[in-house]
Each structure stands twice: as structure tokens, then as C-alpha cells.
Amino acid sequence: MEIIKNQHFEGERPLFGKQELCLEQVTIGEGESAIKECSNIEANDCRFWGKYPFWHVHKFTINNCQFDAGARSALWYSSYLLMRNTRIDAPKMFREMHHVHLEDVVINDADETFWRCQFVEAVNLELHNGTYPFMFCNHVRINGLKYDSLYAFQYCKNVELHNANIVTKDSFWECENVNIYDSVINGEYLAWHSKNVRLVNCHLVGEQLLCYAKNLVLENCTFDAACDRVFEYSSVNADIRGHIENIKNPKSGHIVADSIGSITIDEFVKEPNDCIIETRS
């Protein structure tokens, strides 16, 4: 493998088409598409501030690197990435990629990040600021997620989260096959129009949560005191620990809680209107 160490590159496509290349303490400055149409690339202790550095790259590893704000749209149309201990300050990262594995990665401008990616695995991932991360993704598994961007996980399929702390709005809309464990989700309009969403040992905060959902399951979950109009027009089976303030017009299923503030079943409820709602004896 060729090794390039302690060098600076800029301009257009300075490393285009390279194969079997190791970059150590390299900087990629002003310019575009520095590492394009490459394969079997390693980048260790490198810094990037030019645009689009990793496009159409196959089999690559990024360790202890930094992407500055200018390195926007840095990782597109690429596959089989292992990224560790890396800080990203640029938006629009990870587009149209597959087989991405991340460990201890912090993204400080998560605007439009992770779009149309498949087979994403992460351990200890942080996403801050921005809108619409993880849109149209399929097969995502994350253990240890800190997240304060807006409109999380729209139109996703096959998502599994463990130990997540999510502060957002309009999350998991029109998603299918989502399993979330031991997590806190804080935001309005959670999982509207979703299918096959399962929440286990989760704490939920926000208004009008879990509406228009099909085959919704909650196991050993808790709700913040301010939650209201929950489960409207959803088919749901829910085991709620503690108190839930208001349940409104669920379509079907079974809901049990330790205590319920109020239940709203009005003339706008939809058929089959056979949900059993009860407090735990």
C-alpha cells in the first residue's frame, strides 16, 4: 500500500483514481473531489476543508480525522466505510451510501445528513443541529445516539435504536419496522403514519404522539405529564407505566396504564373503535 504522510493537497481531484492508498496526517484544502473514484483507502489523523473529498469511494477507513465546515457533502455515493473517532462540522454528509460503520463520531452540523443510506451501523454517535437527518434510510442500527436535530428519521425502514436520547420534532414519520429500546424521545408528532413501530423501556415527551400509526406496540414505557392527544387514530397495544394524561380516539387495540387523566372518544373516532383502555388493578 502506498503511504502519503504530512502533505497538503488542494485544487481539483489531486488524488483521483488512487487504489491501495494510506494517508497519514494529510490535509485536503481548497478545491473539489480530492479522493474520487478510489478504493481501499485509509485516512489517519487527517483534516479536510475542501468540498466533496470522498465521492464514489469503495472500501475505506477514516480514523481520528476532522471535517471542517467547508468540507460539505464530503461522503456521497460510496460504500463499505469504517469511520472512528472523527469530528464533522460540515453539512450534507453520507448520501446514497451503503455499508457504513461508525464509532465515536460527532456531527455538529447534521443538516440533510444520512439520506438514502442502507446498512448503517453506529456506536456512540452524536448529531447536532440541522434538519432531516436519516431520510429514506433502510437497515439502520445504532447503540448510543445523542440527537438534537429536527425532523428525525423520516420515511425510514428497518431501524433499531438502543440507548438513544433524541430531542427533535416530527420524528419517525411514515416509517416501517422500527424498534427502539431504553431511550428518551422528546418531540411532537412522534411516529405519525408509521407501521410496525415498537418502543421498549422508553420515556416519551411531547404533544400528539403516536397518531395514525398501524401495529404500534409500547412495552414498559412512560410518558411526560404534558403529553396529550396520544394514539389518535392508531391501532395500538400499549403497556404504560405510571400516568398518561390524555388518550384520544384510538382505532383499535389494548391500552393499559397505572393511571389515566382523561380519555377522549368523540364523534370523530374511526372504526372499528374497539380499543380496550384500562388502568392496571
Protein backbone atom coordinates (compact mmCIF):
# COMPACT_ATOMS: atom_id res chain seq x y z
CA MET A 1 0.00 0.00 0.00
CA GLU A 2 1.28 3.45 -0.93
CA ILE A 3 1.72 5.79 2.06
CA ILE A 4 1.46 9.57 1.81
CA LYS A 5 2.42 11.38 5.01
CA ASN A 6 2.49 15.00 6.18
CA GLN A 7 1.43 16.50 2.86
CA HIS A 8 -1.12 19.11 1.79
CA PHE A 9 -3.32 18.82 -1.32
CA GLU A 10 -5.71 21.25 -2.94
CA GLY A 11 -7.23 22.04 -6.31
CA GLU A 12 -9.30 19.70 -8.47
CA ARG A 13 -9.09 15.91 -7.98
CA PRO A 14 -5.49 15.70 -6.71
CA LEU A 15 -5.82 12.00 -5.75
CA PHE A 16 -8.35 10.90 -8.35
CA GLY A 17 -8.49 7.17 -9.04
CA LYS A 18 -5.98 6.11 -6.39
CA GLN A 19 -6.04 2.49 -5.20
CA GLU A 20 -4.45 0.97 -2.08
CA LEU A 21 -3.52 4.32 -0.53
CA CYS A 22 -2.83 5.29 3.10
CA LEU A 23 -2.99 8.97 4.06
CA GLU A 24 -1.36 9.96 7.35
CA GLN A 25 -1.53 13.49 8.77
CA VAL A 26 -2.59 14.79 5.38
CA THR A 27 -4.64 17.96 4.83
CA ILE A 28 -7.07 18.45 1.96
CA GLY A 29 -7.55 22.17 1.35
CA GLU A 30 -9.42 24.34 -1.13
CA GLY A 31 -10.72 22.56 -4.18
CA GLU A 32 -13.13 19.76 -5.04
CA SER A 33 -13.28 15.96 -5.23
CA ALA A 34 -9.85 15.24 -3.80
CA ILE A 35 -10.34 11.48 -3.33
CA LYS A 36 -12.77 10.44 -6.05
CA GLU A 37 -13.26 7.10 -7.81
CA CYS A 38 -10.86 5.44 -5.39
CA SER A 39 -10.80 2.15 -3.49
CA ASN A 40 -9.03 0.63 -0.49
CA ILE A 41 -8.19 3.97 1.11
CA GLU A 42 -7.07 4.70 4.67
CA ALA A 43 -7.07 8.19 6.20
CA ASN A 44 -5.48 8.58 9.64
CA ASP A 45 -5.18 11.86 11.58
CA CYS A 46 -6.18 13.87 8.51
CA ARG A 47 -8.07 17.17 8.14
CA PHE A 48 -10.41 18.12 5.33
CA TRP A 49 -11.79 21.52 4.40
CA GLY A 50 -12.20 21.30 0.64
CA LYS A 51 -15.53 20.26 -0.91
CA TYR A 52 -16.64 16.71 -1.77
CA PRO A 53 -13.47 14.83 -0.78
CA PHE A 54 -14.86 11.24 -0.77
CA TRP A 55 -17.14 10.55 -3.74
CA HIS A 56 -17.52 7.14 -5.38
CA VAL A 57 -15.06 5.54 -2.98
CA HIS A 58 -15.23 1.80 -2.26
CA LYS A 59 -13.76 0.22 0.89
CA PHE A 60 -12.22 2.98 3.00
CA THR A 61 -11.33 3.72 6.62
CA ILE A 62 -11.29 7.14 8.30
CA ASN A 63 -9.65 7.33 11.74
CA ASN A 64 -9.16 10.32 14.05
CA CYS A 65 -9.97 12.83 11.34
CA GLN A 66 -11.73 16.18 11.19
CA PHE A 67 -14.04 17.59 8.52
CA ASP A 68 -14.26 21.37 8.76
CA ALA A 69 -17.33 23.36 7.70
CA GLY A 70 -16.01 23.78 4.17
CA ALA A 71 -15.88 20.03 3.58
CA ARG A 72 -19.59 19.90 2.85
CA SER A 73 -21.14 16.93 1.06
CA ALA A 74 -17.96 15.02 1.78
CA LEU A 75 -19.18 11.42 1.60
CA TRP A 76 -21.53 10.54 -1.27
CA TYR A 77 -22.13 7.50 -3.46
CA SER A 78 -19.59 5.44 -1.54
CA SER A 79 -19.61 2.04 0.17
CA TYR A 80 -18.02 -0.03 2.91
CA LEU A 81 -16.84 2.78 5.15
CA LEU A 82 -15.40 2.35 8.65
CA MET A 83 -15.15 5.69 10.47
CA ARG A 84 -13.81 6.04 14.02
CA ASN A 85 -13.13 8.92 16.44
CA THR A 86 -13.97 11.60 13.90
CA ARG A 87 -15.49 15.09 14.18
CA ILE A 88 -17.62 16.51 11.40
CA ASP A 89 -18.54 20.21 11.28
CA ALA A 90 -19.92 20.18 7.73
CA PRO A 91 -23.49 19.55 6.47
CA LYS A 92 -24.96 17.12 3.94
CA MET A 93 -22.76 14.16 4.79
CA PHE A 94 -23.42 10.49 3.96
CA ARG A 95 -25.67 10.40 0.87
CA GLU A 96 -26.61 7.39 -1.23
CA MET A 97 -24.16 5.16 0.66
CA HIS A 98 -24.30 1.58 1.84
CA HIS A 99 -22.50 -0.47 4.48
CA VAL A 100 -21.39 2.35 6.77
CA HIS A 101 -19.99 1.62 10.24
CA LEU A 102 -19.32 4.49 12.66
CA GLU A 103 -17.77 4.51 16.13
CA ASP A 104 -17.42 7.58 18.36
CA VAL A 105 -18.38 10.09 15.69
CA VAL A 106 -19.68 13.62 16.37
CA ILE A 107 -21.55 15.54 13.67
CA ASN A 108 -22.04 19.19 14.63
CA ASP A 109 -23.97 20.26 11.54
CA ALA A 110 -26.30 17.36 10.77
CA ASP A 111 -28.31 19.21 8.14
CA GLU A 112 -29.56 16.79 5.47
CA THR A 113 -27.20 14.08 6.66
CA PHE A 114 -27.65 10.32 6.06
CA TRP A 115 -30.02 10.49 3.07
CA ARG A 116 -30.90 7.29 1.23
CA CYS A 117 -28.28 5.21 3.01
CA GLN A 118 -28.52 1.48 3.59
CA PHE A 119 -26.95 -0.80 6.20
CA VAL A 120 -25.75 1.86 8.62
CA GLU A 121 -24.37 0.73 11.97
CA ALA A 122 -23.11 3.09 14.67
CA VAL A 123 -21.88 3.04 18.25
CA ASN A 124 -21.77 6.32 20.18
CA LEU A 125 -22.99 8.70 17.51
CA GLU A 126 -23.87 12.37 18.10
CA LEU A 127 -25.88 14.55 15.73
CA HIS A 128 -26.42 18.25 16.43
CA ASN A 129 -28.33 21.00 14.63
CA GLY A 130 -29.73 20.85 11.12
CA THR A 131 -32.85 19.26 9.63
CA TYR A 132 -33.95 15.91 8.20
CA PRO A 133 -31.13 13.52 9.10
CA PHE A 134 -31.70 9.85 8.18
CA MET A 135 -34.28 10.44 5.46
CA PHE A 136 -35.21 7.44 3.29
CA CYS A 137 -32.70 5.16 5.07
CA ASN A 138 -33.03 1.38 5.27
CA HIS A 139 -31.42 -1.01 7.78
CA VAL A 140 -30.08 1.34 10.46
CA ARG A 141 -28.80 0.09 13.83
CA ILE A 142 -27.40 2.50 16.45
CA ASN A 143 -26.37 1.91 20.05
CA GLY A 144 -25.76 5.17 21.90
CA LEU A 145 -27.31 8.08 19.98
CA LYS A 146 -27.36 11.72 21.10
CA TYR A 147 -29.52 13.76 18.79
CA ASP A 148 -30.88 17.31 18.77
CA SER A 149 -31.58 17.91 15.08
CA LEU A 150 -35.07 18.46 13.66
CA TYR A 151 -37.31 16.04 11.76
CA ALA A 152 -35.50 12.81 12.55
CA PHE A 153 -35.81 9.53 10.64
CA GLN A 154 -38.42 10.37 8.01
CA TYR A 155 -39.55 7.63 5.59
CA CYS A 156 -37.16 5.01 7.01
CA LYS A 157 -37.43 1.23 7.14
CA ASN A 158 -35.85 -1.34 9.44
CA VAL A 159 -34.43 0.89 12.17
CA GLU A 160 -33.17 -0.33 15.56
CA LEU A 161 -32.03 2.09 18.26
CA HIS A 162 -30.64 1.39 21.73
CA ASN A 163 -29.83 3.94 24.44
CA ALA A 164 -30.85 6.97 22.40
CA ASN A 165 -31.56 10.47 23.68
CA ILE A 166 -33.46 12.27 20.94
CA VAL A 167 -34.70 15.87 21.09
CA THR A 168 -36.44 16.69 17.82
CA LYS A 169 -39.76 17.30 16.08
CA ASP A 170 -41.87 15.20 13.73
CA SER A 171 -39.68 12.12 14.11
CA PHE A 172 -40.16 8.66 12.56
CA TRP A 173 -42.90 9.83 10.17
CA GLU A 174 -44.09 7.25 7.66
CA CYS A 175 -41.53 4.74 8.92
CA GLU A 176 -41.84 0.99 8.86
CA ASN A 177 -40.33 -1.68 11.11
CA VAL A 178 -38.79 0.47 13.86
CA ASN A 179 -37.63 -0.90 17.23
CA ILE A 180 -36.42 1.49 19.94
CA TYR A 181 -35.11 0.31 23.32
CA ASP A 182 -34.13 2.07 26.56
CA SER A 183 -34.39 5.54 25.07
CA VAL A 184 -35.81 9.04 25.61
CA ILE A 185 -37.66 10.70 22.73
CA ASN A 186 -38.64 14.34 23.19
CA GLY A 187 -40.64 15.99 20.41
CA GLU A 188 -44.08 16.50 18.94
CA TYR A 189 -45.87 14.25 16.46
CA LEU A 190 -43.83 11.12 17.05
CA ALA A 191 -44.27 8.28 14.52
CA TRP A 192 -47.33 9.59 12.69
CA HIS A 193 -48.45 7.43 9.76
CA SER A 194 -45.97 4.72 10.72
CA LYS A 195 -46.22 0.92 10.56
CA ASN A 196 -44.79 -1.67 12.94
CA VAL A 197 -43.16 0.66 15.47
CA ARG A 198 -42.18 -0.93 18.81
CA LEU A 199 -40.96 1.06 21.82
CA VAL A 200 -39.50 -0.81 24.80
CA ASN A 201 -38.48 0.81 28.11
CA CYS A 202 -38.75 4.28 26.59
CA HIS A 203 -39.74 7.67 28.04
CA LEU A 204 -41.75 9.91 25.73
CA VAL A 205 -42.18 13.69 25.85
CA GLY A 206 -44.31 15.89 23.60
CA GLU A 207 -47.78 16.60 22.25
CA GLN A 208 -49.90 14.49 19.90
CA LEU A 209 -47.61 11.50 19.96
CA LEU A 210 -48.11 8.23 18.09
CA CYS A 211 -51.09 9.12 15.91
CA TYR A 212 -52.27 7.48 12.65
CA ALA A 213 -49.97 4.52 13.39
CA LYS A 214 -50.58 0.90 12.42
CA ASN A 215 -49.48 -2.03 14.58
CA LEU A 216 -47.93 0.22 17.24
CA VAL A 217 -46.51 -1.53 20.33
CA LEU A 218 -45.32 0.00 23.61
CA GLU A 219 -43.76 -2.14 26.33
CA ASN A 220 -42.97 -0.75 29.78
CA CYS A 221 -42.95 2.86 28.56
CA THR A 222 -43.56 6.12 30.44
CA PHE A 223 -45.00 9.47 29.36
CA ASP A 224 -44.20 13.01 30.43
CA ALA A 225 -47.01 14.75 32.31
CA ALA A 226 -47.61 17.21 29.47
CA CYS A 227 -48.33 14.55 26.81
CA ASP A 228 -51.87 14.77 25.44
CA ARG A 229 -53.97 13.57 22.49
CA VAL A 230 -51.91 10.40 22.33
CA PHE A 231 -52.75 7.47 19.98
CA GLU A 232 -55.33 9.33 17.86
CA TYR A 233 -56.48 7.05 15.02
CA SER A 234 -53.83 4.42 15.80
CA SER A 235 -54.06 0.66 16.19
CA VAL A 236 -52.04 0.09 19.34
CA ASN A 237 -51.08 -2.32 22.09
CA ALA A 238 -49.52 -0.35 24.92
CA ASP A 239 -48.25 -1.21 28.39
CA ILE A 240 -47.74 2.20 30.06
CA ARG A 241 -46.03 2.52 33.41
CA GLY A 242 -47.14 5.42 35.56
CA HIS A 243 -49.54 8.11 34.38
CA ILE A 244 -50.67 9.21 30.93
CA GLU A 245 -52.59 12.47 30.83
CA ASN A 246 -54.85 12.06 27.79
CA ILE A 247 -55.68 9.32 25.27
CA LYS A 248 -57.70 10.38 22.25
CA ASN A 249 -59.68 8.32 19.73
CA PRO A 250 -57.52 5.21 19.22
CA LYS A 251 -58.96 2.99 16.49
CA SER A 252 -58.24 -0.44 17.97
CA GLY A 253 -56.05 -2.47 20.30
CA HIS A 254 -55.44 -2.53 24.05
CA ILE A 255 -54.00 0.21 26.28
CA VAL A 256 -53.23 -0.30 29.95
CA ALA A 257 -51.66 2.26 32.31
CA ASP A 258 -51.24 2.77 36.04
CA SER A 259 -53.40 5.89 35.81
CA ILE A 260 -55.09 7.90 33.06
CA GLY A 261 -56.00 11.57 33.33
CA SER A 262 -58.71 11.55 30.67
CA ILE A 263 -59.95 9.57 27.68
CA THR A 264 -61.45 11.35 24.70
CA ILE A 265 -63.73 9.28 22.48
CA ASP A 266 -65.85 11.65 20.42
CA GLU A 267 -67.91 11.67 17.24
CA PHE A 268 -64.74 11.79 15.13
CA VAL A 269 -63.42 8.42 16.24
CA LYS A 270 -62.78 5.98 13.40
CA GLU A 271 -63.86 2.37 13.02
CA PRO A 272 -63.54 -0.23 14.32
CA ASN A 273 -63.46 1.85 17.53
CA ASP A 274 -62.88 -1.24 19.67
CA CYS A 275 -59.75 -0.30 21.62
CA ILE A 276 -59.83 -1.53 25.22
CA ILE A 277 -58.47 1.16 27.59
CA GLU A 278 -57.99 0.34 31.23
CA THR A 279 -55.99 1.09 34.36
CA ARG A 280 -53.84 -1.54 35.98
CA SER A 281 -55.50 -3.09 39.02
